[in-house]
Amino acid sequence: MFLTTNIYARIDSAVLDRIHLGMKYEMDKIKREKISKTFFEWYEEKGLSFGQTVQLEFQNRAEKHDFNGREIRNGRSTEPLK
């Protein structure tokens, strides 16, 4: 079983006692760009277009605010179509 969280400090100690392996995943600029690009490509396959300006602005915001993969996905689904 895999447990993922961004609020590790709030996990109950009984749960923590049963965790055998913990890993921290850091996202750098290259990983964020790849995730963002994947979502843009997915939308393009569905016939939706966001335009180059929107894509670059979104990638800049993702980097500036240190977005994780979930936040990138959620941001993609709320961006206005161009």
N, C-alpha and C. Protein backbone atom coordinates (compact mmCIF):
# COMPACT_ATOMS: atom_id res chain seq x y z
N MET A 1 0.84 -1.16 0.00
CA MET A 1 0.00 0.00 0.00
C MET A 1 0.90 1.24 0.00
N PHE A 2 0.48 2.24 -0.75
CA PHE A 2 1.20 3.51 -0.81
C PHE A 2 0.36 4.59 -0.15
N LEU A 3 1.00 5.39 0.65
CA LEU A 3 0.36 6.54 1.28
C LEU A 3 1.12 7.77 0.85
N THR A 4 0.42 8.71 0.26
CA THR A 4 1.07 9.96 -0.13
C THR A 4 0.41 11.10 0.61
N THR A 5 1.21 12.05 1.03
CA THR A 5 0.67 13.19 1.76
C THR A 5 1.63 14.36 1.68
N ASN A 6 1.09 15.54 1.80
CA ASN A 6 1.92 16.73 1.93
C ASN A 6 1.77 17.33 3.33
N ILE A 7 1.10 16.58 4.22
CA ILE A 7 0.95 17.02 5.60
C ILE A 7 1.45 15.94 6.56
N TYR A 8 2.67 15.53 6.36
CA TYR A 8 3.29 14.45 7.12
C TYR A 8 3.19 14.68 8.63
N ALA A 9 3.35 15.91 9.07
CA ALA A 9 3.36 16.20 10.50
C ALA A 9 2.02 15.92 11.18
N ARG A 10 0.95 15.79 10.40
CA ARG A 10 -0.37 15.57 10.98
C ARG A 10 -0.80 14.11 10.97
N ILE A 11 0.08 13.21 10.56
CA ILE A 11 -0.25 11.79 10.55
C ILE A 11 -0.16 11.25 11.96
N ASP A 12 -1.14 10.47 12.34
CA ASP A 12 -1.21 9.88 13.67
C ASP A 12 0.01 9.00 13.93
N SER A 13 0.51 9.00 15.15
CA SER A 13 1.71 8.23 15.48
C SER A 13 1.51 6.72 15.29
N ALA A 14 0.28 6.23 15.46
CA ALA A 14 0.01 4.80 15.24
C ALA A 14 0.23 4.44 13.77
N VAL A 15 -0.11 5.34 12.88
CA VAL A 15 0.12 5.10 11.45
C VAL A 15 1.61 5.17 11.17
N LEU A 16 2.28 6.17 11.71
CA LEU A 16 3.73 6.33 11.50
C LEU A 16 4.51 5.11 11.96
N ASP A 17 4.06 4.48 13.04
CA ASP A 17 4.75 3.28 13.54
C ASP A 17 4.70 2.12 12.55
N ARG A 18 3.74 2.14 11.64
CA ARG A 18 3.57 1.04 10.69
C ARG A 18 4.20 1.33 9.32
N ILE A 19 4.79 2.48 9.18
CA ILE A 19 5.44 2.83 7.92
C ILE A 19 6.84 2.23 7.91
N HIS A 20 7.14 1.46 6.87
CA HIS A 20 8.42 0.78 6.77
C HIS A 20 9.43 1.54 5.92
N LEU A 21 8.95 2.32 5.01
CA LEU A 21 9.83 3.05 4.12
C LEU A 21 9.20 4.40 3.80
N GLY A 22 9.92 5.46 4.08
CA GLY A 22 9.44 6.80 3.76
C GLY A 22 10.34 7.42 2.71
N MET A 23 9.73 8.08 1.74
CA MET A 23 10.51 8.74 0.70
C MET A 23 9.97 10.15 0.50
N LYS A 24 10.87 11.06 0.30
CA LYS A 24 10.47 12.43 -0.01
C LYS A 24 10.77 12.68 -1.48
N TYR A 25 9.79 13.24 -2.17
CA TYR A 25 9.93 13.49 -3.60
C TYR A 25 10.02 14.98 -3.82
N GLU A 26 11.14 15.41 -4.34
CA GLU A 26 11.35 16.83 -4.63
C GLU A 26 11.15 17.05 -6.12
N MET A 27 10.46 18.12 -6.47
CA MET A 27 10.28 18.45 -7.88
C MET A 27 11.11 19.67 -8.23
N ASP A 28 11.92 19.51 -9.26
CA ASP A 28 12.70 20.64 -9.74
C ASP A 28 12.00 21.23 -10.97
N LYS A 29 12.60 22.23 -11.55
CA LYS A 29 12.00 22.92 -12.69
C LYS A 29 11.74 21.97 -13.86
N ILE A 30 12.67 21.09 -14.13
CA ILE A 30 12.53 20.17 -15.26
C ILE A 30 11.33 19.24 -15.05
N LYS A 31 11.17 18.70 -13.85
CA LYS A 31 10.04 17.81 -13.57
C LYS A 31 8.71 18.55 -13.68
N ARG A 32 8.65 19.79 -13.15
CA ARG A 32 7.43 20.58 -13.25
C ARG A 32 7.06 20.85 -14.70
N GLU A 33 8.06 21.21 -15.51
CA GLU A 33 7.80 21.48 -16.92
C GLU A 33 7.30 20.23 -17.64
N LYS A 34 7.86 19.07 -17.29
CA LYS A 34 7.43 17.82 -17.94
C LYS A 34 5.99 17.50 -17.58
N ILE A 35 5.63 17.65 -16.30
CA ILE A 35 4.25 17.39 -15.88
C ILE A 35 3.30 18.36 -16.57
N SER A 36 3.66 19.62 -16.58
CA SER A 36 2.82 20.64 -17.22
C SER A 36 2.66 20.35 -18.71
N LYS A 37 3.75 20.00 -19.38
CA LYS A 37 3.70 19.70 -20.81
C LYS A 37 2.81 18.50 -21.08
N THR A 38 2.87 17.49 -20.22
CA THR A 38 2.04 16.30 -20.38
C THR A 38 0.56 16.66 -20.33
N PHE A 39 0.18 17.53 -19.38
CA PHE A 39 -1.21 17.93 -19.29
C PHE A 39 -1.64 18.77 -20.49
N PHE A 40 -0.78 19.66 -20.96
CA PHE A 40 -1.12 20.44 -22.15
C PHE A 40 -1.33 19.51 -23.35
N GLU A 41 -0.47 18.54 -23.51
CA GLU A 41 -0.59 17.60 -24.62
C GLU A 41 -1.87 16.78 -24.52
N TRP A 42 -2.23 16.39 -23.29
CA TRP A 42 -3.46 15.63 -23.09
C TRP A 42 -4.67 16.44 -23.54
N TYR A 43 -4.71 17.72 -23.16
CA TYR A 43 -5.82 18.58 -23.57
C TYR A 43 -5.85 18.79 -25.08
N GLU A 44 -4.67 18.94 -25.69
CA GLU A 44 -4.61 19.11 -27.14
C GLU A 44 -5.14 17.87 -27.87
N GLU A 45 -4.86 16.68 -27.32
CA GLU A 45 -5.40 15.45 -27.91
C GLU A 45 -6.92 15.43 -27.85
N LYS A 46 -7.49 16.11 -26.87
CA LYS A 46 -8.95 16.18 -26.72
C LYS A 46 -9.54 17.31 -27.56
N GLY A 47 -8.69 18.02 -28.31
CA GLY A 47 -9.17 19.09 -29.18
C GLY A 47 -9.27 20.44 -28.51
N LEU A 48 -8.68 20.58 -27.33
CA LEU A 48 -8.71 21.85 -26.61
C LEU A 48 -7.36 22.54 -26.73
N SER A 49 -7.39 23.85 -26.82
CA SER A 49 -6.14 24.60 -26.98
C SER A 49 -6.08 25.74 -25.97
N PHE A 50 -4.92 25.95 -25.38
CA PHE A 50 -4.73 27.01 -24.41
C PHE A 50 -3.89 28.15 -24.95
N GLY A 51 -3.23 27.96 -26.04
CA GLY A 51 -2.38 29.00 -26.61
C GLY A 51 -1.02 29.03 -25.93
N GLN A 52 -0.01 29.43 -26.67
CA GLN A 52 1.37 29.45 -26.18
C GLN A 52 1.55 30.41 -25.00
N THR A 53 0.89 31.57 -25.05
CA THR A 53 1.03 32.55 -23.99
C THR A 53 0.53 32.00 -22.66
N VAL A 54 -0.62 31.34 -22.68
CA VAL A 54 -1.18 30.76 -21.46
C VAL A 54 -0.27 29.66 -20.93
N GLN A 55 0.26 28.84 -21.83
CA GLN A 55 1.14 27.76 -21.40
C GLN A 55 2.38 28.31 -20.71
N LEU A 56 3.02 29.31 -21.29
CA LEU A 56 4.22 29.88 -20.69
C LEU A 56 3.91 30.56 -19.36
N GLU A 57 2.81 31.27 -19.29
CA GLU A 57 2.42 31.92 -18.04
C GLU A 57 2.15 30.89 -16.95
N PHE A 58 1.49 29.81 -17.31
CA PHE A 58 1.21 28.77 -16.33
C PHE A 58 2.50 28.14 -15.82
N GLN A 59 3.43 27.84 -16.72
CA GLN A 59 4.70 27.24 -16.31
C GLN A 59 5.48 28.20 -15.41
N ASN A 60 5.44 29.49 -15.71
CA ASN A 60 6.12 30.47 -14.86
C ASN A 60 5.51 30.51 -13.47
N ARG A 61 4.19 30.48 -13.40
CA ARG A 61 3.52 30.47 -12.09
C ARG A 61 3.82 29.19 -11.31
N ALA A 62 3.82 28.06 -12.02
CA ALA A 62 4.10 26.79 -11.36
C ALA A 62 5.49 26.80 -10.73
N GLU A 63 6.45 27.39 -11.43
CA GLU A 63 7.82 27.47 -10.90
C GLU A 63 7.91 28.47 -9.75
N LYS A 64 7.30 29.61 -9.92
CA LYS A 64 7.36 30.68 -8.91
C LYS A 64 6.75 30.24 -7.58
N HIS A 65 5.62 29.52 -7.67
CA HIS A 65 4.89 29.14 -6.45
C HIS A 65 5.17 27.71 -6.01
N ASP A 66 6.13 27.05 -6.65
CA ASP A 66 6.55 25.71 -6.24
C ASP A 66 5.39 24.71 -6.25
N PHE A 67 4.60 24.71 -7.34
CA PHE A 67 3.46 23.81 -7.46
C PHE A 67 3.91 22.36 -7.47
N ASN A 68 3.11 21.49 -6.86
CA ASN A 68 3.35 20.06 -6.98
C ASN A 68 2.51 19.51 -8.13
N GLY A 69 2.62 18.22 -8.42
CA GLY A 69 1.92 17.64 -9.56
C GLY A 69 0.41 17.79 -9.48
N ARG A 70 -0.16 17.61 -8.30
CA ARG A 70 -1.61 17.75 -8.12
C ARG A 70 -2.05 19.18 -8.40
N GLU A 71 -1.29 20.15 -7.91
CA GLU A 71 -1.64 21.55 -8.14
C GLU A 71 -1.52 21.92 -9.62
N ILE A 72 -0.55 21.35 -10.30
CA ILE A 72 -0.43 21.58 -11.74
C ILE A 72 -1.65 21.02 -12.46
N ARG A 73 -2.04 19.79 -12.11
CA ARG A 73 -3.21 19.17 -12.73
C ARG A 73 -4.46 20.01 -12.48
N ASN A 74 -4.66 20.43 -11.23
CA ASN A 74 -5.84 21.23 -10.90
C ASN A 74 -5.82 22.58 -11.63
N GLY A 75 -4.67 23.17 -11.74
CA GLY A 75 -4.54 24.44 -12.46
C GLY A 75 -4.86 24.29 -13.93
N ARG A 76 -4.46 23.19 -14.50
CA ARG A 76 -4.73 22.95 -15.92
C ARG A 76 -6.23 22.87 -16.17
N SER A 77 -6.95 22.25 -15.25
CA SER A 77 -8.38 22.06 -15.47
C SER A 77 -9.20 23.33 -15.24
N THR A 78 -8.58 24.37 -14.69
CA THR A 78 -9.32 25.61 -14.43
C THR A 78 -8.86 26.77 -15.31
N GLU A 79 -7.84 26.58 -16.14
CA GLU A 79 -7.38 27.64 -17.03
C GLU A 79 -8.42 27.93 -18.11
N PRO A 80 -8.61 29.18 -18.47
CA PRO A 80 -9.57 29.49 -19.54
C PRO A 80 -9.03 29.04 -20.90
N LEU A 81 -9.90 28.61 -21.76
CA LEU A 81 -9.50 28.21 -23.11
C LEU A 81 -9.31 29.43 -23.98
N LYS A 82 -8.31 29.38 -24.85
CA LYS A 82 -8.04 30.47 -25.80
C LYS A 82 -8.42 30.03 -27.17
